[in-house]
Every structure is written in structure tokens, then in C-alpha cells.
PDB file of N, CA and C in Angstrom:
ATOM      1  N   UNK A   1       0.920  -1.303  -0.151  1.00  0.00           N
ATOM      2  CA  UNK A   1       0.003  -0.036   0.021  1.00  0.00           C
ATOM      3  C   UNK A   1       0.980   1.141  -0.094  1.00  0.00           C
ATOM      4  N   UNK A   2       1.966   1.402   0.612  1.00  0.00           N
ATOM      5  CA  UNK A   2       3.120   2.254   0.831  1.00  0.00           C
ATOM      6  C   UNK A   2       3.259   2.467  -0.848  1.00  0.00           C
ATOM      7  N   UNK A   3       3.874   1.698  -1.349  1.00  0.00           N
ATOM      8  CA  UNK A   3       4.299   2.075  -3.052  1.00  0.00           C
ATOM      9  C   UNK A   3       3.291   2.517  -3.433  1.00  0.00           C
ATOM     10  N   UNK A   4       1.861   2.336  -3.493  1.00  0.00           N
ATOM     11  CA  UNK A   4       0.820   2.737  -4.112  1.00  0.00           C
ATOM     12  C   UNK A   4       0.729   4.146  -4.026  1.00  0.00           C
ATOM     13  N   UNK A   5       0.723   4.689  -2.744  1.00  0.00           N
ATOM     14  CA  UNK A   5       0.652   6.037  -2.228  1.00  0.00           C
ATOM     15  C   UNK A   5       1.884   6.760  -2.848  1.00  0.00           C
ATOM     16  N   UNK A   6       3.150   6.223  -2.569  1.00  0.00           N
ATOM     17  CA  UNK A   6       4.109   6.800  -3.053  1.00  0.00           C
ATOM     18  C   UNK A   6       4.141   7.157  -4.626  1.00  0.00           C
ATOM     19  N   UNK A   7       3.594   6.163  -5.117  1.00  0.00           N
ATOM     20  CA  UNK A   7       3.569   6.364  -6.726  1.00  0.00           C
ATOM     21  C   UNK A   7       2.562   7.150  -7.178  1.00  0.00           C
ATOM     22  N   UNK A   8       1.479   7.213  -6.296  1.00  0.00           N
ATOM     23  CA  UNK A   8       0.364   8.574  -6.705  1.00  0.00           C
ATOM     24  C   UNK A   8       0.858   9.765  -6.434  1.00  0.00           C
ATOM     25  N   UNK A   9       1.730  10.025  -5.232  1.00  0.00           N
ATOM     26  CA  UNK A   9       2.148  11.241  -4.888  1.00  0.00           C
ATOM     27  C   UNK A   9       3.435  11.738  -5.923  1.00  0.00           C
ATOM     28  N   UNK A  10       3.937  10.745  -6.081  1.00  0.00           N
ATOM     29  CA  UNK A  10       5.004  11.202  -7.350  1.00  0.00           C
ATOM     30  C   UNK A  10       4.461  11.526  -8.546  1.00  0.00           C
ATOM     31  N   UNK A  11       3.276  10.719  -9.088  1.00  0.00           N
ATOM     32  CA  UNK A  11       2.605  10.839 -10.296  1.00  0.00           C
ATOM     33  C   UNK A  11       2.028  12.298  -9.974  1.00  0.00           C
ATOM     34  N   UNK A  12       1.375  12.887  -9.328  1.00  0.00           N
ATOM     35  CA  UNK A  12       0.605  13.946  -8.973  1.00  0.00           C
ATOM     36  C   UNK A  12       1.599  15.229  -9.071  1.00  0.00           C
ATOM     37  N   UNK A  13       2.739  15.223  -8.809  1.00  0.00           N
ATOM     38  CA  UNK A  13       4.236  15.997  -8.427  1.00  0.00           C
ATOM     39  C   UNK A  13       4.819  16.086  -9.929  1.00  0.00           C
ATOM     40  N   UNK A  14       5.078  14.838 -10.488  1.00  0.00           N
ATOM     41  CA  UNK A  14       5.598  14.883 -12.008  1.00  0.00           C
ATOM     42  C   UNK A  14       5.029  14.659 -12.906  1.00  0.00           C
ATOM     43  N   UNK A  15       3.803  14.381 -12.846  1.00  0.00           N
ATOM     44  CA  UNK A  15       2.784  13.746 -14.087  1.00  0.00           C
ATOM     45  C   UNK A  15       2.553  12.103 -13.956  1.00  0.00           C
ATOM     46  N   UNK A  16       1.494  11.842 -14.568  1.00  0.00           N
ATOM     47  CA  UNK A  16       1.072  10.301 -14.720  1.00  0.00           C
ATOM     48  C   UNK A  16       1.810   9.666 -15.797  1.00  0.00           C
ATOM     49  N   UNK A  17       1.446   8.427 -16.312  1.00  0.00           N
ATOM     50  CA  UNK A  17       2.085   7.758 -17.415  1.00  0.00           C
ATOM     51  C   UNK A  17       1.581   8.360 -18.623  1.00  0.00           C
ATOM     52  N   UNK A  18       2.218   8.569 -19.840  1.00  0.00           N
ATOM     53  CA  UNK A  18       1.944   8.515 -20.952  1.00  0.00           C
ATOM     54  C   UNK A  18       0.686   8.072 -21.440  1.00  0.00           C
ATOM     55  N   UNK A  19      -0.104   8.596 -22.394  1.00  0.00           N
ATOM     56  CA  UNK A  19      -1.312   7.603 -23.036  1.00  0.00           C
ATOM     57  C   UNK A  19      -0.690   6.519 -23.586  1.00  0.00           C
ATOM     58  N   UNK A  20       0.556   6.415 -24.202  1.00  0.00           N
ATOM     59  CA  UNK A  20       0.885   4.917 -24.811  1.00  0.00           C
ATOM     60  C   UNK A  20       1.069   4.318 -23.971  1.00  0.00           C
ATOM     61  N   UNK A  21       1.916   4.456 -22.823  1.00  0.00           N
ATOM     62  CA  UNK A  21       2.064   3.524 -21.877  1.00  0.00           C
ATOM     63  C   UNK A  21       0.871   2.829 -20.901  1.00  0.00           C
ATOM     64  N   UNK A  22      -0.168   3.790 -20.966  1.00  0.00           N
ATOM     65  CA  UNK A  22      -1.368   3.293 -20.116  1.00  0.00           C
ATOM     66  C   UNK A  22      -2.256   2.339 -21.045  1.00  0.00           C
ATOM     67  N   UNK A  23      -2.243   2.567 -22.270  1.00  0.00           N
ATOM     68  CA  UNK A  23      -2.681   1.902 -23.595  1.00  0.00           C
ATOM     69  C   UNK A  23      -2.069   0.478 -23.529  1.00  0.00           C
ATOM     70  N   UNK A  24      -0.641   0.333 -23.461  1.00  0.00           N
ATOM     71  CA  UNK A  24       0.008  -0.841 -23.288  1.00  0.00           C
ATOM     72  C   UNK A  24      -0.446  -1.904 -22.169  1.00  0.00           C
ATOM     73  N   UNK A  25      -0.707  -1.203 -21.052  1.00  0.00           N
ATOM     74  CA  UNK A  25      -0.577  -1.821 -19.712  1.00  0.00           C
ATOM     75  C   UNK A  25      -1.982  -2.211 -19.727  1.00  0.00           C
ATOM     76  N   UNK A  26      -3.034  -1.599 -20.348  1.00  0.00           N
ATOM     77  CA  UNK A  26      -4.471  -1.985 -20.626  1.00  0.00           C
ATOM     78  C   UNK A  26      -4.441  -3.268 -21.731  1.00  0.00           C
ATOM     79  N   UNK A  27      -3.767  -3.192 -22.677  1.00  0.00           N
ATOM     80  CA  UNK A  27      -3.768  -4.199 -23.612  1.00  0.00           C
ATOM     81  C   UNK A  27      -3.173  -5.623 -23.181  1.00  0.00           C
ATOM     82  N   UNK A  28      -2.121  -5.397 -22.209  1.00  0.00           N
ATOM     83  CA  UNK A  28      -1.365  -6.629 -21.426  1.00  0.00           C
ATOM     84  C   UNK A  28      -2.348  -7.118 -20.655  1.00  0.00           C
ATOM     85  N   UNK A  29      -3.126  -6.214 -19.768  1.00  0.00           N
ATOM     86  CA  UNK A  29      -4.254  -6.871 -18.536  1.00  0.00           C
ATOM     87  C   UNK A  29      -5.345  -7.457 -19.429  1.00  0.00           C
ATOM     88  N   UNK A  30      -5.765  -7.091 -20.192  1.00  0.00           N
ATOM     89  CA  UNK A  30      -6.945  -7.721 -21.242  1.00  0.00           C
ATOM     90  C   UNK A  30      -6.316  -8.805 -21.653  1.00  0.00           C
ATOM     91  N   UNK A  31      -4.848  -9.410 -22.299  1.00  0.00           N
ATOM     92  CA  UNK A  31      -4.664 -10.477 -22.715  1.00  0.00           C
ATOM     93  C   UNK A  31      -4.509 -11.536 -21.712  1.00  0.00           C
ATOM     94  N   UNK A  32      -4.071 -11.083 -20.455  1.00  0.00           N
ATOM     95  CA  UNK A  32      -3.812 -12.041 -19.498  1.00  0.00           C
ATOM     96  C   UNK A  32      -5.089 -12.554 -18.715  1.00  0.00           C
ATOM     97  N   UNK A  33      -5.864 -11.977 -19.042  1.00  0.00           N
ATOM     98  CA  UNK A  33      -7.488 -12.422 -18.861  1.00  0.00           C
ATOM     99  C   UNK A  33      -8.328 -13.130 -19.807  1.00  0.00           C
ATOM    100  N   UNK A  34      -7.876 -13.461 -21.049  1.00  0.00           N
ATOM    101  CA  UNK A  34      -8.097 -14.189 -21.706  1.00  0.00           C
ATOM    102  C   UNK A  34      -8.265 -13.853 -23.247  1.00  0.00           C
ATOM    103  N   UNK A  35      -7.121 -13.268 -23.312  1.00  0.00           N
ATOM    104  CA  UNK A  35      -6.709 -12.761 -24.905  1.00  0.00           C
ATOM    105  C   UNK A  35      -6.596 -13.753 -25.908  1.00  0.00           C
ATOM    106  N   UNK A  36      -5.675 -13.652 -26.528  1.00  0.00           N
ATOM    107  CA  UNK A  36      -5.309 -14.697 -27.709  1.00  0.00           C
ATOM    108  C   UNK A  36      -3.919 -15.627 -26.736  1.00  0.00           C
ATOM    109  N   UNK A  37      -4.509 -16.727 -26.463  1.00  0.00           N
ATOM    110  CA  UNK A  37      -3.850 -17.764 -25.841  1.00  0.00           C
ATOM    111  C   UNK A  37      -2.518 -18.151 -25.949  1.00  0.00           C
ATOM    112  N   UNK A  38      -1.988 -18.048 -27.413  1.00  0.00           N
ATOM    113  CA  UNK A  38      -0.926 -18.163 -28.025  1.00  0.00           C
ATOM    114  C   UNK A  38       0.385 -17.293 -27.426  1.00  0.00           C
ATOM    115  N   UNK A  39      -0.130 -15.891 -27.461  1.00  0.00           N
ATOM    116  CA  UNK A  39       0.699 -15.076 -26.868  1.00  0.00           C
ATOM    117  C   UNK A  39       0.634 -14.713 -25.378  1.00  0.00           C
ATOM    118  N   UNK A  40      -0.596 -15.069 -24.688  1.00  0.00           N
ATOM    119  CA  UNK A  40      -0.466 -14.916 -23.100  1.00  0.00           C
ATOM    120  C   UNK A  40       0.365 -15.951 -22.608  1.00  0.00           C
ATOM    121  N   UNK A  41       0.661 -17.230 -23.236  1.00  0.00           N
ATOM    122  CA  UNK A  41       1.397 -18.318 -23.112  1.00  0.00           C
ATOM    123  C   UNK A  41       2.991 -18.300 -23.559  1.00  0.00           C
ATOM    124  N   UNK A  42       3.485 -17.216 -24.316  1.00  0.00           N
ATOM    125  CA  UNK A  42       4.676 -16.871 -24.947  1.00  0.00           C
ATOM    126  C   UNK A  42       4.894 -18.375 -25.680  1.00  0.00           C
ATOM    127  N   UNK A  43       3.685 -18.457 -26.455  1.00  0.00           N
ATOM    128  CA  UNK A  43       4.451 -19.891 -27.474  1.00  0.00           C
ATOM    129  C   UNK A  43       4.302 -19.224 -28.842  1.00  0.00           C
ATOM    130  N   UNK A  44       5.723 -19.493 -29.338  1.00  0.00           N
ATOM    131  CA  UNK A  44       5.874 -19.284 -30.501  1.00  0.00           C
ATOM    132  C   UNK A  44       5.274 -19.846 -31.707  1.00  0.00           C
ATOM    133  N   UNK A  45       5.087 -19.630 -33.357  1.00  0.00           N
ATOM    134  CA  UNK A  45       4.521 -19.996 -34.079  1.00  0.00           C
ATOM    135  C   UNK A  45       5.491 -21.300 -34.510  1.00  0.00           C
ATOM    136  N   UNK A  46       5.076 -22.343 -34.768  1.00  0.00           N
ATOM    137  CA  UNK A  46       6.240 -23.245 -35.173  1.00  0.00           C
ATOM    138  C   UNK A  46       6.121 -24.429 -34.114  1.00  0.00           C
ATOM    139  N   UNK A  47       5.950 -23.915 -32.884  1.00  0.00           N
ATOM    140  CA  UNK A  47       6.239 -25.126 -31.266  1.00  0.00           C
ATOM    141  C   UNK A  47       5.178 -25.830 -31.627  1.00  0.00           C
ATOM    142  N   UNK A  48       5.611 -26.934 -31.031  1.00  0.00           N
ATOM    143  CA  UNK A  48       4.870 -28.323 -31.029  1.00  0.00           C
ATOM    144  C   UNK A  48       4.518 -28.765 -29.806  1.00  0.00           C
ATOM    145  N   UNK A  49       3.405 -28.855 -29.321  1.00  0.00           N
ATOM    146  CA  UNK A  49       2.829 -29.286 -27.894  1.00  0.00           C
ATOM    147  C   UNK A  49       2.652 -30.866 -28.051  1.00  0.00           C
ATOM    148  N   UNK A  50       3.078 -31.608 -26.928  1.00  0.00           N
ATOM    149  CA  UNK A  50       2.789 -32.754 -27.070  1.00  0.00           C
ATOM    150  C   UNK A  50       2.341 -33.095 -25.647  1.00  0.00           C
ATOM    151  N   UNK A  51       1.118 -34.259 -26.012  1.00  0.00           N
ATOM    152  CA  UNK A  51       0.383 -34.588 -24.591  1.00  0.00           C
ATOM    153  C   UNK A  51       0.053 -36.014 -25.279  1.00  0.00           C
ATOM    154  N   UNK A  52       0.579 -37.138 -24.026  1.00  0.00           N
ATOM    155  CA  UNK A  52      -0.320 -38.248 -24.094  1.00  0.00           C
ATOM    156  C   UNK A  52      -1.537 -38.468 -23.443  1.00  0.00           C
ATOM    157  N   UNK A  53      -2.653 -38.941 -24.330  1.00  0.00           N
ATOM    158  CA  UNK A  53      -4.152 -39.100 -23.845  1.00  0.00           C
ATOM    159  C   UNK A  53      -4.689 -40.473 -24.459  1.00  0.00           C
ATOM    160  N   UNK A  54      -4.736 -41.301 -23.268  1.00  0.00           N
ATOM    161  CA  UNK A  54      -5.164 -42.668 -23.423  1.00  0.00           C
ATOM    162  C   UNK A  54      -4.357 -43.484 -24.197  1.00  0.00           C
ATOM    163  N   UNK A  55      -3.105 -43.387 -24.021  1.00  0.00           N
ATOM    164  CA  UNK A  55      -2.149 -44.522 -24.606  1.00  0.00           C
ATOM    165  C   UNK A  55      -1.887 -43.689 -25.957  1.00  0.00           C
ATOM    166  N   UNK A  56      -2.329 -42.639 -26.499  1.00  0.00           N
ATOM    167  CA  UNK A  56      -2.235 -42.076 -27.748  1.00  0.00           C
ATOM    168  C   UNK A  56      -1.236 -40.645 -27.598  1.00  0.00           C
ATOM    169  N   UNK A  57      -0.365 -40.647 -28.344  1.00  0.00           N
ATOM    170  CA  UNK A  57       0.125 -39.313 -28.544  1.00  0.00           C
ATOM    171  C   UNK A  57      -0.237 -38.301 -29.292  1.00  0.00           C
ATOM    172  N   UNK A  58      -0.706 -36.983 -28.495  1.00  0.00           N
ATOM    173  CA  UNK A  58      -1.188 -36.128 -29.416  1.00  0.00           C
ATOM    174  C   UNK A  58      -0.282 -34.771 -29.510  1.00  0.00           C
ATOM    175  N   UNK A  59      -0.240 -34.344 -30.749  1.00  0.00           N
ATOM    176  CA  UNK A  59       0.780 -33.401 -31.155  1.00  0.00           C
ATOM    177  C   UNK A  59      -0.052 -32.282 -32.020  1.00  0.00           C
ATOM    178  N   UNK A  60       0.122 -30.928 -31.251  1.00  0.00           N
ATOM    179  CA  UNK A  60      -0.619 -29.707 -31.651  1.00  0.00           C
ATOM    180  C   UNK A  60       0.635 -28.695 -31.870  1.00  0.00           C
ATOM    181  N   UNK A  61       0.577 -28.456 -33.341  1.00  0.00           N
ATOM    182  CA  UNK A  61       1.316 -27.073 -33.956  1.00  0.00           C
ATOM    183  C   UNK A  61       0.827 -25.838 -33.505  1.00  0.00           C
ATOM    184  N   UNK A  62       1.601 -24.800 -33.053  1.00  0.00           N
ATOM    185  CA  UNK A  62       1.350 -23.618 -32.621  1.00  0.00           C
ATOM    186  C   UNK A  62       1.510 -22.737 -34.064  1.00  0.00           C
ATOM    187  N   UNK A  63       0.320 -21.961 -34.231  1.00  0.00           N
ATOM    188  CA  UNK A  63       0.195 -21.292 -35.654  1.00  0.00           C
ATOM    189  C   UNK A  63       0.120 -19.797 -35.240  1.00  0.00           C
ATOM    190  N   UNK A  64       0.353 -18.921 -36.032  1.00  0.00           N
ATOM    191  CA  UNK A  64       0.236 -17.624 -35.689  1.00  0.00           C
ATOM    192  C   UNK A  64      -0.847 -17.066 -35.145  1.00  0.00           C
ATOM    193  N   UNK A  65      -2.166 -17.724 -35.666  1.00  0.00           N
ATOM    194  CA  UNK A  65      -3.391 -17.385 -35.406  1.00  0.00           C
ATOM    195  C   UNK A  65      -4.010 -18.730 -35.188  1.00  0.00           C
ATOM    196  N   UNK A  66      -3.741 -19.171 -33.781  1.00  0.00           N
ATOM    197  CA  UNK A  66      -4.453 -20.591 -33.423  1.00  0.00           C
ATOM    198  C   UNK A  66      -3.538 -21.816 -33.429  1.00  0.00           C
ATOM    199  N   UNK A  67      -3.970 -22.896 -33.567  1.00  0.00           N
ATOM    200  CA  UNK A  67      -3.418 -24.103 -33.463  1.00  0.00           C
ATOM    201  C   UNK A  67      -3.711 -25.087 -34.758  1.00  0.00           C
ATOM    202  N   UNK A  68      -3.241 -26.215 -34.761  1.00  0.00           N
ATOM    203  CA  UNK A  68      -3.459 -26.968 -35.640  1.00  0.00           C
ATOM    204  C   UNK A  68      -3.111 -28.507 -35.166  1.00  0.00           C
ATOM    205  N   UNK A  69      -4.351 -29.303 -35.388  1.00  0.00           N
ATOM    206  CA  UNK A  69      -4.033 -30.638 -34.595  1.00  0.00           C
ATOM    207  C   UNK A  69      -4.882 -31.875 -35.712  1.00  0.00           C
ATOM    208  N   UNK A  70      -4.023 -32.719 -36.123  1.00  0.00           N
ATOM    209  CA  UNK A  70      -4.479 -33.632 -36.959  1.00  0.00           C
ATOM    210  C   UNK A  70      -5.267 -32.898 -38.325  1.00  0.00           C
ATOM    211  N   UNK A  71      -4.555 -32.357 -38.854  1.00  0.00           N
ATOM    212  CA  UNK A  71      -4.583 -31.388 -40.145  1.00  0.00           C
ATOM    213  C   UNK A  71      -6.001 -30.622 -40.017  1.00  0.00           C
ATOM    214  N   UNK A  72      -6.363 -30.123 -38.975  1.00  0.00           N
ATOM    215  CA  UNK A  72      -7.482 -29.263 -38.559  1.00  0.00           C
ATOM    216  C   UNK A  72      -7.170 -27.943 -37.790  1.00  0.00           C
ATOM    217  N   UNK A  73      -7.584 -26.911 -37.969  1.00  0.00           N
ATOM    218  CA  UNK A  73      -7.027 -25.700 -37.618  1.00  0.00           C
ATOM    219  C   UNK A  73      -8.100 -25.431 -36.534  1.00  0.00           C
ATOM    220  N   UNK A  74      -7.677 -25.084 -35.251  1.00  0.00           N
ATOM    221  CA  UNK A  74      -8.384 -24.523 -33.823  1.00  0.00           C
ATOM    222  C   UNK A  74      -7.835 -23.124 -33.373  1.00  0.00           C
ATOM    223  N   UNK A  75      -9.298 -22.227 -33.268  1.00  0.00           N
ATOM    224  CA  UNK A  75      -8.972 -21.409 -32.665  1.00  0.00           C
ATOM    225  C   UNK A  75      -8.050 -21.048 -31.237  1.00  0.00           C
ATOM    226  N   UNK A  76      -8.507 -21.815 -30.480  1.00  0.00           N
ATOM    227  CA  UNK A  76      -7.896 -21.667 -28.949  1.00  0.00           C
ATOM    228  C   UNK A  76      -7.561 -23.283 -28.818  1.00  0.00           C
ATOM    229  N   UNK A  77      -6.536 -23.342 -27.900  1.00  0.00           N
ATOM    230  CA  UNK A  77      -6.140 -24.562 -27.353  1.00  0.00           C
ATOM    231  C   UNK A  77      -6.860 -25.265 -26.712  1.00  0.00           C
ATOM    232  N   UNK A  78      -8.062 -24.862 -26.095  1.00  0.00           N
ATOM    233  CA  UNK A  78      -9.299 -25.468 -25.343  1.00  0.00           C
ATOM    234  C   UNK A  78     -10.149 -26.275 -26.235  1.00  0.00           C
ATOM    235  N   UNK A  79     -10.496 -25.782 -27.484  1.00  0.00           N
ATOM    236  CA  UNK A  79     -11.054 -26.440 -28.634  1.00  0.00           C
ATOM    237  C   UNK A  79     -10.052 -27.649 -28.921  1.00  0.00           C
ATOM    238  N   UNK A  80      -8.793 -27.566 -29.066  1.00  0.00           N
ATOM    239  CA  UNK A  80      -7.832 -28.768 -29.323  1.00  0.00           C
ATOM    240  C   UNK A  80      -8.169 -29.758 -28.244  1.00  0.00           C
ATOM    241  N   UNK A  81      -8.094 -29.482 -26.842  1.00  0.00           N
ATOM    242  CA  UNK A  81      -8.349 -30.354 -25.631  1.00  0.00           C
ATOM    243  C   UNK A  81      -9.632 -30.879 -25.909  1.00  0.00           C
ATOM    244  N   UNK A  82     -10.797 -30.408 -26.356  1.00  0.00           N
ATOM    245  CA  UNK A  82     -11.798 -30.621 -26.535  1.00  0.00           C
ATOM    246  C   UNK A  82     -12.079 -31.821 -27.666  1.00  0.00           C
ATOM    247  N   UNK A  83     -11.599 -31.485 -28.615  1.00  0.00           N
ATOM    248  CA  UNK A  83     -11.392 -32.482 -29.692  1.00  0.00           C
ATOM    249  C   UNK A  83     -10.583 -33.792 -29.298  1.00  0.00           C
ATOM    250  N   UNK A  84      -9.815 -33.566 -28.487  1.00  0.00           N
ATOM    251  CA  UNK A  84      -9.013 -34.938 -28.071  1.00  0.00           C
ATOM    252  C   UNK A  84      -9.881 -35.759 -27.168  1.00  0.00           C
ATOM    253  N   UNK A  85     -10.511 -35.175 -26.209  1.00  0.00           N
ATOM    254  CA  UNK A  85     -11.112 -35.709 -25.315  1.00  0.00           C
ATOM    255  C   UNK A  85     -12.465 -35.695 -25.238  1.00  0.00           C
ATOM    256  N   UNK A  86     -13.129 -34.812 -26.018  1.00  0.00           N
ATOM    257  CA  UNK A  86     -14.639 -35.325 -26.095  1.00  0.00           C
ATOM    258  C   UNK A  86     -15.280 -34.443 -24.849  1.00  0.00           C
ATOM    259  N   UNK A  87     -14.490 -34.004 -23.922  1.00  0.00           N
ATOM    260  CA  UNK A  87     -15.355 -33.118 -22.890  1.00  0.00           C
ATOM    261  C   UNK A  87     -14.343 -31.788 -22.711  1.00  0.00           C
ATOM    262  N   UNK A  88     -15.231 -30.800 -21.918  1.00  0.00           N
ATOM    263  CA  UNK A  88     -14.517 -29.483 -21.431  1.00  0.00           C
ATOM    264  C   UNK A  88     -13.398 -29.601 -20.924  1.00  0.00           C
ATOM    265  N   UNK A  89     -12.190 -28.870 -21.181  1.00  0.00           N
ATOM    266  CA  UNK A  89     -10.810 -28.802 -20.844  1.00  0.00           C
ATOM    267  C   UNK A  89     -10.430 -27.714 -21.018  1.00  0.00           C
ATOM    268  N   UNK A  90      -9.671 -26.862 -20.067  1.00  0.00           N
ATOM    269  CA  UNK A  90      -8.952 -25.840 -20.264  1.00  0.00           C
ATOM    270  C   UNK A  90      -7.743 -26.328 -21.076  1.00  0.00           C
ATOM    271  N   UNK A  91      -7.317 -25.632 -22.211  1.00  0.00           N
ATOM    272  CA  UNK A  91      -6.539 -25.993 -23.121  1.00  0.00           C
ATOM    273  C   UNK A  91      -5.152 -26.062 -22.596  1.00  0.00           C
ATOM    274  N   UNK A  92      -4.696 -25.036 -21.562  1.00  0.00           N
ATOM    275  CA  UNK A  92      -3.455 -24.624 -21.234  1.00  0.00           C
ATOM    276  C   UNK A  92      -3.531 -26.061 -19.959  1.00  0.00           C
ATOM    277  N   UNK A  93      -4.315 -25.972 -19.263  1.00  0.00           N
ATOM    278  CA  UNK A  93      -4.349 -27.144 -18.275  1.00  0.00           C
ATOM    279  C   UNK A  93      -3.766 -28.482 -18.766  1.00  0.00           C
ATOM    280  N   UNK A  94      -4.761 -28.728 -19.943  1.00  0.00           N
ATOM    281  CA  UNK A  94      -4.570 -30.182 -20.523  1.00  0.00           C
ATOM    282  C   UNK A  94      -3.349 -30.401 -21.196  1.00  0.00           C
ATOM    283  N   UNK A  95      -2.326 -29.260 -21.558  1.00  0.00           N
ATOM    284  CA  UNK A  95      -1.229 -29.286 -22.191  1.00  0.00           C
ATOM    285  C   UNK A  95      -0.290 -29.130 -21.320  1.00  0.00           C
ATOM    286  N   UNK A  96      -0.409 -28.686 -19.738  1.00  0.00           N
ATOM    287  CA  UNK A  96       0.743 -28.436 -18.857  1.00  0.00           C
ATOM    288  C   UNK A  96       1.356 -27.167 -18.967  1.00  0.00           C
ATOM    289  N   UNK A  97       0.433 -26.287 -19.507  1.00  0.00           N
ATOM    290  CA  UNK A  97       1.198 -25.139 -19.415  1.00  0.00           C
ATOM    291  C   UNK A  97       0.805 -24.046 -18.521  1.00  0.00           C
ATOM    292  N   UNK A  98      -0.337 -24.572 -17.566  1.00  0.00           N
ATOM    293  CA  UNK A  98      -0.543 -23.404 -16.310  1.00  0.00           C
ATOM    294  C   UNK A  98       0.502 -23.602 -15.555  1.00  0.00           C
ATOM    295  N   UNK A  99       0.826 -22.487 -14.656  1.00  0.00           N
ATOM    296  CA  UNK A  99       1.639 -22.844 -13.776  1.00  0.00           C
ATOM    297  C   UNK A  99       1.047 -23.613 -12.423  1.00  0.00           C
ATOM    298  N   UNK A 100       2.041 -23.984 -12.078  1.00  0.00           N
ATOM    299  CA  UNK A 100       1.848 -25.048 -10.691  1.00  0.00           C
ATOM    300  C   UNK A 100       1.435 -24.020  -9.413  1.00  0.00           C
ATOM    301  N   UNK A 101       0.051 -24.550  -9.205  1.00  0.00           N
ATOM    302  CA  UNK A 101      -0.158 -23.658  -7.570  1.00  0.00           C
ATOM    303  C   UNK A 101       0.260 -24.583  -6.485  1.00  0.00           C
ATOM    304  N   UNK A 102       0.550 -23.932  -5.650  1.00  0.00           N
ATOM    305  CA  UNK A 102       1.160 -24.609  -4.262  1.00  0.00           C
ATOM    306  C   UNK A 102      -0.076 -25.193  -3.538  1.00  0.00           C
ATOM    307  N   UNK A 103      -0.148 -26.107  -2.925  1.00  0.00           N
ATOM    308  CA  UNK A 103      -1.259 -26.838  -2.282  1.00  0.00           C
ATOM    309  C   UNK A 103      -1.380 -25.855  -0.902  1.00  0.00           C
ATOM    310  N   UNK A 104      -2.843 -26.003  -0.789  1.00  0.00           N
ATOM    311  CA  UNK A 104      -2.736 -25.021   0.648  1.00  0.00           C
ATOM    312  C   UNK A 104      -3.439 -25.823   1.642  1.00  0.00           C
ATOM    313  N   UNK A 105      -2.939 -25.412   3.112  1.00  0.00           N
ATOM    314  CA  UNK A 105      -3.449 -26.331   4.442  1.00  0.00           C
ATOM    315  C   UNK A 105      -1.880 -26.575   4.901  1.00  0.00           C
ATOM    316  N   UNK A 106      -0.752 -25.690   4.484  1.00  0.00           N
ATOM    317  CA  UNK A 106       0.304 -26.176   5.216  1.00  0.00           C
ATOM    318  C   UNK A 106       1.082 -27.461   4.854  1.00  0.00           C
ATOM    319  N   UNK A 107       0.441 -28.368   3.925  1.00  0.00           N
ATOM    320  CA  UNK A 107       1.526 -29.142   3.182  1.00  0.00           C
ATOM    321  C   UNK A 107       2.723 -28.467   2.240  1.00  0.00           C
ATOM    322  N   UNK A 108       3.844 -29.368   2.180  1.00  0.00           N
ATOM    323  CA  UNK A 108       4.600 -29.063   1.012  1.00  0.00           C
ATOM    324  C   UNK A 108       4.393 -29.270   0.190  1.00  0.00           C
TER     325      UNK A 108
END
């Protein structure tokens, strides 16, 4: 809280962030809340994601705009996960791209 107050005081005296910087921050915030998955996860076009599902290796190619699996294009990684499993999955979770969350309750 102290940092926020100090920043606000400094901004009042010296001026706030310029409009371009504010716009960039808003864009980054939007993308982290569900923008294009490939850019949010920092996946580069040409990367291949691999996951074994029910004994079968699944490979997904990262494209500039979306993903490709078995010669079919998808807009999101979740669509690919759904095509593979037949059920709703978070694509990043299915492919192990989400950060691991620490367990709660005092366990290591």
C-alpha cells in the first residue's frame, strides 16, 4: 500500500504515465485475462505441444493465429483439448502450460 501511495504522490508532482504506456498496460491486462492464448503463454509459431492421452501421443502445432491438430485448425487450445478428449478442458491445463499452484493447508 505504501508503494501505491508513494507512486500516486510522485505522479501528482511529476505527471502520470503517458497515454501510450497506459494503453499498453491495458492491452497486457486484457490479454492476461483471456486474450489470444498463444501470445499469453508466450508460445511461438512453429512450436509443437505434445501430450499423451489414453495411450496415444497427441501433437499440436502452434500457428500465428491458433493451433493445428491432425490437419485441422482451431482458434484456441481449449478447442483442441475438447476435440481430443470429447469433454470440456482448459487447453493450457490439458497441455501442462498453466503454472503449478502450491497446495494449501500447510502441506509442502
